[in-house]
Amino acid sequence: MDPVERDYETYRRLLDLWSDENQIKTTKLQFLLVVNAGLLAVVQLGGGLAAANLPVLLAGALLCLVWTLSIGRTVLSQKAWQRKLATLALAHADDPRFQILDTQEAERAAPGWIRVLGGVPSKYYLLATPVGFGLAWTVAAVVLIAR
């Protein structure tokens, strides 16, 4: 097989792996939000910061820790594949098949508000959300214990 075609086949496989992770990240984030909303409802219906809710608060903190590690692993894998894609794209800069992820020109043409809202890299809110929820559950547990 021609080396360029071999690289392109590798590029396509990496692109599939990279893009498949977007759906996984979205699903993980949605479940994180749903589970935390459910836990918050349980705490609220159980009397708020009541002693009986301590296990729920601790479970929320633990679940968020696991979610942070899980989403972090997904983000890390996607970043590794993205670097490999960039290396192949750079090696074949004159071949448009390798430049599919070069969206800077198209992004600059988008309306400003879309560039602002869509310009936040997903890794930040994907990792900040479970960390934030985890801290909130932990603080609530500490406040409850300190009473």
N, C-alpha and C. Protein backbone atom coordinates (compact mmCIF):
# COMPACT_ATOMS: atom_id res chain seq x y z
N MET A 1 0.85 -1.18 0.00
CA MET A 1 0.00 0.00 0.00
C MET A 1 0.89 1.24 0.00
N ASP A 2 0.47 2.22 -0.75
CA ASP A 2 1.15 3.51 -0.84
C ASP A 2 1.20 4.15 0.57
N PRO A 3 2.35 4.72 0.96
CA PRO A 3 2.48 5.30 2.31
C PRO A 3 1.43 6.40 2.60
N VAL A 4 1.10 7.20 1.59
CA VAL A 4 0.11 8.26 1.80
C VAL A 4 -1.26 7.63 2.06
N GLU A 5 -1.60 6.61 1.31
CA GLU A 5 -2.89 5.93 1.52
C GLU A 5 -2.93 5.23 2.87
N ARG A 6 -1.79 4.67 3.28
CA ARG A 6 -1.71 4.03 4.60
C ARG A 6 -1.94 5.07 5.69
N ASP A 7 -1.29 6.23 5.54
CA ASP A 7 -1.48 7.31 6.50
C ASP A 7 -2.93 7.80 6.51
N TYR A 8 -3.53 7.87 5.33
CA TYR A 8 -4.92 8.33 5.25
C TYR A 8 -5.86 7.34 5.93
N GLU A 9 -5.59 6.06 5.76
CA GLU A 9 -6.41 5.05 6.43
C GLU A 9 -6.25 5.17 7.95
N THR A 10 -5.04 5.39 8.40
CA THR A 10 -4.79 5.61 9.83
C THR A 10 -5.52 6.86 10.30
N TYR A 11 -5.44 7.92 9.50
CA TYR A 11 -6.10 9.18 9.81
C TYR A 11 -7.61 8.97 9.95
N ARG A 12 -8.21 8.25 9.03
CA ARG A 12 -9.66 7.99 9.08
C ARG A 12 -10.04 7.20 10.32
N ARG A 13 -9.23 6.22 10.68
CA ARG A 13 -9.53 5.43 11.88
C ARG A 13 -9.41 6.28 13.15
N LEU A 14 -8.37 7.09 13.20
CA LEU A 14 -8.20 7.99 14.34
C LEU A 14 -9.35 8.99 14.41
N LEU A 15 -9.78 9.49 13.27
CA LEU A 15 -10.88 10.44 13.22
C LEU A 15 -12.17 9.79 13.74
N ASP A 16 -12.39 8.55 13.37
CA ASP A 16 -13.57 7.82 13.88
C ASP A 16 -13.49 7.67 15.40
N LEU A 17 -12.33 7.27 15.90
CA LEU A 17 -12.16 7.13 17.35
C LEU A 17 -12.40 8.46 18.05
N TRP A 18 -11.78 9.50 17.52
CA TRP A 18 -11.90 10.83 18.11
C TRP A 18 -13.35 11.31 18.12
N SER A 19 -14.04 11.15 16.99
CA SER A 19 -15.41 11.65 16.91
C SER A 19 -16.38 10.80 17.74
N ASP A 20 -16.15 9.51 17.86
CA ASP A 20 -17.01 8.66 18.68
C ASP A 20 -16.99 9.08 20.15
N GLU A 21 -15.88 9.63 20.59
CA GLU A 21 -15.78 10.06 21.99
C GLU A 21 -16.69 11.24 22.29
N ASN A 22 -17.05 12.04 21.26
CA ASN A 22 -17.95 13.18 21.51
C ASN A 22 -19.29 12.70 22.03
N GLN A 23 -19.82 11.67 21.44
CA GLN A 23 -21.10 11.11 21.90
C GLN A 23 -20.97 10.54 23.31
N ILE A 24 -19.85 9.90 23.57
CA ILE A 24 -19.62 9.33 24.91
C ILE A 24 -19.54 10.44 25.96
N LYS A 25 -18.83 11.51 25.64
CA LYS A 25 -18.72 12.63 26.57
C LYS A 25 -20.08 13.26 26.83
N THR A 26 -20.86 13.44 25.79
CA THR A 26 -22.19 14.03 25.94
C THR A 26 -23.08 13.16 26.82
N THR A 27 -23.05 11.87 26.59
CA THR A 27 -23.86 10.94 27.39
C THR A 27 -23.43 10.97 28.85
N LYS A 28 -22.13 10.95 29.09
CA LYS A 28 -21.65 10.99 30.48
C LYS A 28 -22.08 12.28 31.17
N LEU A 29 -22.00 13.41 30.47
CA LEU A 29 -22.39 14.69 31.06
C LEU A 29 -23.89 14.71 31.36
N GLN A 30 -24.70 14.21 30.43
CA GLN A 30 -26.15 14.19 30.66
C GLN A 30 -26.51 13.32 31.86
N PHE A 31 -25.90 12.17 31.97
CA PHE A 31 -26.19 11.30 33.12
C PHE A 31 -25.71 11.93 34.42
N LEU A 32 -24.58 12.61 34.38
CA LEU A 32 -24.10 13.32 35.56
C LEU A 32 -25.13 14.33 36.02
N LEU A 33 -25.67 15.10 35.09
CA LEU A 33 -26.66 16.12 35.44
C LEU A 33 -27.94 15.49 35.99
N VAL A 34 -28.41 14.42 35.35
CA VAL A 34 -29.64 13.76 35.78
C VAL A 34 -29.47 13.15 37.17
N VAL A 35 -28.36 12.46 37.39
CA VAL A 35 -28.14 11.80 38.68
C VAL A 35 -28.01 12.85 39.79
N ASN A 36 -27.31 13.92 39.52
CA ASN A 36 -27.17 14.96 40.55
C ASN A 36 -28.50 15.64 40.83
N ALA A 37 -29.31 15.85 39.81
CA ALA A 37 -30.65 16.41 40.04
C ALA A 37 -31.49 15.45 40.88
N GLY A 38 -31.37 14.16 40.59
CA GLY A 38 -32.10 13.15 41.37
C GLY A 38 -31.64 13.13 42.82
N LEU A 39 -30.34 13.17 43.03
CA LEU A 39 -29.81 13.17 44.40
C LEU A 39 -30.24 14.43 45.15
N LEU A 40 -30.25 15.54 44.47
CA LEU A 40 -30.68 16.79 45.10
C LEU A 40 -32.16 16.70 45.49
N ALA A 41 -32.97 16.09 44.64
CA ALA A 41 -34.39 15.91 44.96
C ALA A 41 -34.55 15.01 46.19
N VAL A 42 -33.76 13.94 46.25
CA VAL A 42 -33.83 13.02 47.40
C VAL A 42 -33.46 13.76 48.68
N VAL A 43 -32.40 14.56 48.61
CA VAL A 43 -31.97 15.32 49.79
C VAL A 43 -33.06 16.32 50.20
N GLN A 44 -33.60 17.00 49.23
CA GLN A 44 -34.63 18.01 49.53
C GLN A 44 -35.88 17.35 50.14
N LEU A 45 -36.32 16.26 49.53
CA LEU A 45 -37.50 15.56 50.05
C LEU A 45 -37.23 14.89 51.39
N GLY A 46 -35.96 14.62 51.66
CA GLY A 46 -35.58 13.99 52.92
C GLY A 46 -35.29 14.98 54.03
N GLY A 47 -35.61 16.24 53.82
CA GLY A 47 -35.44 17.22 54.90
C GLY A 47 -34.22 18.10 54.77
N GLY A 48 -33.56 18.09 53.63
CA GLY A 48 -32.39 18.96 53.43
C GLY A 48 -31.16 18.43 54.14
N LEU A 49 -30.47 19.31 54.85
CA LEU A 49 -29.25 18.90 55.54
C LEU A 49 -29.60 18.22 56.87
N ALA A 50 -30.26 17.10 56.75
CA ALA A 50 -30.63 16.30 57.92
C ALA A 50 -29.67 15.12 58.03
N ALA A 51 -29.48 14.64 59.23
CA ALA A 51 -28.54 13.54 59.47
C ALA A 51 -28.85 12.31 58.61
N ALA A 52 -30.12 12.07 58.35
CA ALA A 52 -30.51 10.91 57.55
C ALA A 52 -30.01 11.02 56.10
N ASN A 53 -29.69 12.21 55.67
CA ASN A 53 -29.24 12.41 54.29
C ASN A 53 -27.72 12.34 54.12
N LEU A 54 -27.00 12.14 55.21
CA LEU A 54 -25.54 12.06 55.10
C LEU A 54 -25.08 11.00 54.09
N PRO A 55 -25.66 9.80 54.09
CA PRO A 55 -25.23 8.82 53.08
C PRO A 55 -25.47 9.28 51.64
N VAL A 56 -26.53 10.01 51.42
CA VAL A 56 -26.81 10.54 50.07
C VAL A 56 -25.75 11.58 49.68
N LEU A 57 -25.41 12.44 50.61
CA LEU A 57 -24.39 13.47 50.35
C LEU A 57 -23.04 12.82 50.04
N LEU A 58 -22.68 11.83 50.82
CA LEU A 58 -21.41 11.14 50.60
C LEU A 58 -21.43 10.35 49.28
N ALA A 59 -22.57 9.75 48.98
CA ALA A 59 -22.70 9.04 47.70
C ALA A 59 -22.57 10.01 46.53
N GLY A 60 -23.15 11.19 46.66
CA GLY A 60 -23.03 12.21 45.62
C GLY A 60 -21.58 12.60 45.39
N ALA A 61 -20.84 12.79 46.48
CA ALA A 61 -19.43 13.16 46.36
C ALA A 61 -18.63 12.04 45.70
N LEU A 62 -18.89 10.80 46.12
CA LEU A 62 -18.17 9.66 45.55
C LEU A 62 -18.51 9.47 44.07
N LEU A 63 -19.78 9.55 43.73
CA LEU A 63 -20.18 9.42 42.33
C LEU A 63 -19.52 10.49 41.46
N CYS A 64 -19.46 11.71 41.97
CA CYS A 64 -18.84 12.79 41.20
C CYS A 64 -17.34 12.56 41.01
N LEU A 65 -16.69 12.00 42.01
CA LEU A 65 -15.27 11.67 41.87
C LEU A 65 -15.09 10.65 40.75
N VAL A 66 -15.91 9.61 40.77
CA VAL A 66 -15.82 8.58 39.73
C VAL A 66 -16.11 9.19 38.36
N TRP A 67 -17.13 10.04 38.29
CA TRP A 67 -17.47 10.68 37.03
C TRP A 67 -16.32 11.56 36.54
N THR A 68 -15.68 12.27 37.43
CA THR A 68 -14.55 13.12 37.04
C THR A 68 -13.44 12.27 36.41
N LEU A 69 -13.14 11.15 37.04
CA LEU A 69 -12.10 10.27 36.50
C LEU A 69 -12.52 9.67 35.16
N SER A 70 -13.77 9.29 35.06
CA SER A 70 -14.27 8.68 33.83
C SER A 70 -14.27 9.68 32.67
N ILE A 71 -14.81 10.85 32.91
CA ILE A 71 -14.82 11.87 31.86
C ILE A 71 -13.39 12.31 31.56
N GLY A 72 -12.56 12.41 32.58
CA GLY A 72 -11.15 12.78 32.36
C GLY A 72 -10.45 11.78 31.46
N ARG A 73 -10.72 10.52 31.65
CA ARG A 73 -10.12 9.48 30.79
C ARG A 73 -10.59 9.64 29.35
N THR A 74 -11.86 9.92 29.16
CA THR A 74 -12.41 10.12 27.83
C THR A 74 -11.77 11.33 27.16
N VAL A 75 -11.64 12.42 27.90
CA VAL A 75 -11.02 13.63 27.36
C VAL A 75 -9.55 13.37 27.01
N LEU A 76 -8.85 12.64 27.87
CA LEU A 76 -7.44 12.33 27.62
C LEU A 76 -7.28 11.49 26.35
N SER A 77 -8.11 10.47 26.20
CA SER A 77 -8.04 9.64 25.00
C SER A 77 -8.30 10.47 23.75
N GLN A 78 -9.30 11.31 23.83
CA GLN A 78 -9.63 12.14 22.67
C GLN A 78 -8.48 13.10 22.35
N LYS A 79 -7.85 13.63 23.36
CA LYS A 79 -6.72 14.55 23.15
C LYS A 79 -5.55 13.80 22.50
N ALA A 80 -5.29 12.57 22.93
CA ALA A 80 -4.20 11.79 22.34
C ALA A 80 -4.48 11.53 20.86
N TRP A 81 -5.71 11.15 20.53
CA TRP A 81 -6.04 10.91 19.13
C TRP A 81 -5.98 12.20 18.32
N GLN A 82 -6.37 13.31 18.93
CA GLN A 82 -6.32 14.60 18.25
C GLN A 82 -4.88 14.98 17.92
N ARG A 83 -3.96 14.68 18.82
CA ARG A 83 -2.53 14.97 18.55
C ARG A 83 -2.00 14.11 17.41
N LYS A 84 -2.39 12.85 17.39
CA LYS A 84 -1.97 11.98 16.29
C LYS A 84 -2.56 12.45 14.97
N LEU A 85 -3.80 12.90 14.99
CA LEU A 85 -4.43 13.45 13.78
C LEU A 85 -3.67 14.69 13.31
N ALA A 86 -3.31 15.56 14.24
CA ALA A 86 -2.58 16.78 13.88
C ALA A 86 -1.22 16.46 13.29
N THR A 87 -0.55 15.45 13.83
CA THR A 87 0.75 15.04 13.30
C THR A 87 0.63 14.55 11.86
N LEU A 88 -0.38 13.73 11.61
CA LEU A 88 -0.61 13.25 10.23
C LEU A 88 -1.00 14.40 9.31
N ALA A 89 -1.84 15.31 9.79
CA ALA A 89 -2.25 16.45 8.97
C ALA A 89 -1.05 17.32 8.61
N LEU A 90 -0.17 17.51 9.55
CA LEU A 90 1.04 18.31 9.31
C LEU A 90 1.96 17.63 8.30
N ALA A 91 2.05 16.32 8.39
CA ALA A 91 2.91 15.56 7.47
C ALA A 91 2.36 15.58 6.04
N HIS A 92 1.07 15.83 5.91
CA HIS A 92 0.42 15.85 4.58
C HIS A 92 -0.34 17.16 4.41
N ALA A 93 0.33 18.26 4.68
CA ALA A 93 -0.30 19.58 4.65
C ALA A 93 -0.88 19.95 3.29
N ASP A 94 -0.36 19.36 2.22
CA ASP A 94 -0.85 19.68 0.88
C ASP A 94 -2.00 18.79 0.43
N ASP A 95 -2.40 17.84 1.24
CA ASP A 95 -3.48 16.92 0.90
C ASP A 95 -4.73 17.30 1.69
N PRO A 96 -5.78 17.79 1.00
CA PRO A 96 -6.97 18.27 1.71
C PRO A 96 -7.69 17.19 2.53
N ARG A 97 -7.49 15.93 2.22
CA ARG A 97 -8.14 14.86 2.98
C ARG A 97 -7.68 14.86 4.44
N PHE A 98 -6.49 15.35 4.68
CA PHE A 98 -5.94 15.38 6.03
C PHE A 98 -6.26 16.68 6.78
N GLN A 99 -6.95 17.59 6.12
CA GLN A 99 -7.18 18.91 6.70
C GLN A 99 -8.63 19.10 7.16
N ILE A 100 -9.37 18.01 7.29
CA ILE A 100 -10.79 18.09 7.62
C ILE A 100 -11.06 18.74 8.98
N LEU A 101 -10.13 18.65 9.89
CA LEU A 101 -10.33 19.24 11.21
C LEU A 101 -9.86 20.70 11.28
N ASP A 102 -9.34 21.22 10.20
CA ASP A 102 -8.92 22.62 10.15
C ASP A 102 -10.15 23.48 9.88
N THR A 103 -10.79 23.93 10.94
CA THR A 103 -12.05 24.65 10.82
C THR A 103 -11.92 26.13 11.20
N GLN A 104 -10.71 26.62 11.33
CA GLN A 104 -10.51 28.00 11.79
C GLN A 104 -11.20 29.03 10.90
N GLU A 105 -11.09 28.87 9.61
CA GLU A 105 -11.70 29.83 8.68
C GLU A 105 -13.23 29.81 8.82
N ALA A 106 -13.80 28.62 8.88
CA ALA A 106 -15.25 28.50 9.03
C ALA A 106 -15.71 29.06 10.38
N GLU A 107 -14.93 28.83 11.42
CA GLU A 107 -15.29 29.35 12.74
C GLU A 107 -15.24 30.87 12.76
N ARG A 108 -14.27 31.46 12.08
CA ARG A 108 -14.19 32.93 12.01
C ARG A 108 -15.38 33.52 11.27
N ALA A 109 -15.99 32.78 10.37
CA ALA A 109 -17.13 33.27 9.60
C ALA A 109 -18.44 33.17 10.38
N ALA A 110 -18.45 32.45 11.49
CA ALA A 110 -19.67 32.31 12.30
C ALA A 110 -19.96 33.61 13.03
N PRO A 111 -21.23 33.84 13.38
CA PRO A 111 -21.57 35.04 14.16
C PRO A 111 -20.80 35.07 15.48
N GLY A 112 -20.52 36.28 15.95
CA GLY A 112 -19.71 36.46 17.16
C GLY A 112 -20.23 35.74 18.38
N TRP A 113 -21.55 35.78 18.61
CA TRP A 113 -22.11 35.15 19.81
C TRP A 113 -21.92 33.64 19.76
N ILE A 114 -21.95 33.06 18.57
CA ILE A 114 -21.71 31.62 18.44
C ILE A 114 -20.24 31.31 18.71
N ARG A 115 -19.35 32.19 18.24
CA ARG A 115 -17.92 31.98 18.49
C ARG A 115 -17.62 32.06 19.98
N VAL A 116 -18.29 32.97 20.69
CA VAL A 116 -18.06 33.12 22.13
C VAL A 116 -18.59 31.90 22.89
N LEU A 117 -19.86 31.55 22.64
CA LEU A 117 -20.46 30.43 23.37
C LEU A 117 -19.90 29.09 22.93
N GLY A 118 -19.61 28.94 21.67
CA GLY A 118 -19.08 27.68 21.16
C GLY A 118 -17.58 27.56 21.25
N GLY A 119 -16.93 28.63 21.65
CA GLY A 119 -15.47 28.62 21.71
C GLY A 119 -14.88 28.04 22.98
N VAL A 120 -15.74 27.72 23.94
CA VAL A 120 -15.25 27.13 25.19
C VAL A 120 -14.95 25.66 24.93
N PRO A 121 -13.70 25.24 25.09
CA PRO A 121 -13.38 23.82 24.88
C PRO A 121 -14.17 22.93 25.85
N SER A 122 -14.71 21.85 25.32
CA SER A 122 -15.57 20.99 26.13
C SER A 122 -14.85 20.39 27.33
N LYS A 123 -13.54 20.22 27.22
CA LYS A 123 -12.83 19.61 28.35
C LYS A 123 -13.00 20.43 29.63
N TYR A 124 -13.18 21.75 29.49
CA TYR A 124 -13.30 22.58 30.68
C TYR A 124 -14.62 22.34 31.41
N TYR A 125 -15.73 22.39 30.70
CA TYR A 125 -17.00 22.19 31.40
C TYR A 125 -17.27 20.72 31.68
N LEU A 126 -16.69 19.83 30.87
CA LEU A 126 -16.86 18.40 31.14
C LEU A 126 -16.18 17.99 32.44
N LEU A 127 -15.04 18.59 32.71
CA LEU A 127 -14.31 18.26 33.94
C LEU A 127 -14.72 19.14 35.12
N ALA A 128 -15.08 20.39 34.85
CA ALA A 128 -15.46 21.31 35.93
C ALA A 128 -16.81 20.93 36.54
N THR A 129 -17.71 20.40 35.73
CA THR A 129 -19.04 20.08 36.23
C THR A 129 -19.02 19.00 37.31
N PRO A 130 -18.40 17.83 37.06
CA PRO A 130 -18.39 16.84 38.15
C PRO A 130 -17.55 17.28 39.34
N VAL A 131 -16.49 18.04 39.09
CA VAL A 131 -15.68 18.54 40.20
C VAL A 131 -16.53 19.50 41.05
N GLY A 132 -17.25 20.39 40.38
CA GLY A 132 -18.10 21.34 41.10
C GLY A 132 -19.19 20.65 41.91
N PHE A 133 -19.87 19.70 41.28
CA PHE A 133 -20.90 18.94 42.01
C PHE A 133 -20.27 18.17 43.17
N GLY A 134 -19.13 17.56 42.94
CA GLY A 134 -18.45 16.81 43.99
C GLY A 134 -18.09 17.68 45.18
N LEU A 135 -17.59 18.87 44.87
CA LEU A 135 -17.26 19.81 45.95
C LEU A 135 -18.52 20.23 46.70
N ALA A 136 -19.59 20.46 45.98
CA ALA A 136 -20.85 20.86 46.63
C ALA A 136 -21.36 19.76 47.57
N TRP A 137 -21.32 18.51 47.10
CA TRP A 137 -21.76 17.39 47.96
C TRP A 137 -20.84 17.26 49.18
N THR A 138 -19.54 17.43 48.96
CA THR A 138 -18.57 17.32 50.06
C THR A 138 -18.77 18.43 51.09
N VAL A 139 -18.95 19.66 50.61
CA VAL A 139 -19.17 20.78 51.52
C VAL A 139 -20.46 20.57 52.31
N ALA A 140 -21.51 20.11 51.62
CA ALA A 140 -22.77 19.86 52.33
C ALA A 140 -22.59 18.80 53.41
N ALA A 141 -21.83 17.74 53.10
CA ALA A 141 -21.58 16.68 54.09
C ALA A 141 -20.79 17.22 55.27
N VAL A 142 -19.77 18.03 54.99
CA VAL A 142 -18.94 18.60 56.05
C VAL A 142 -19.78 19.53 56.94
N VAL A 143 -20.61 20.35 56.33
CA VAL A 143 -21.49 21.24 57.10
C VAL A 143 -22.42 20.43 57.99
N LEU A 144 -22.97 19.36 57.44
CA LEU A 144 -23.87 18.51 58.21
C LEU A 144 -23.15 17.85 59.38
N ILE A 145 -21.97 17.35 59.14
CA ILE A 145 -21.18 16.69 60.19
C ILE A 145 -20.76 17.71 61.27
N ALA A 146 -20.44 18.92 60.85
CA ALA A 146 -19.96 19.96 61.78
C ALA A 146 -21.08 20.47 62.69
N ARG A 147 -22.32 20.25 62.34
CA ARG A 147 -23.44 20.74 63.16
C ARG A 147 -23.51 20.05 64.49
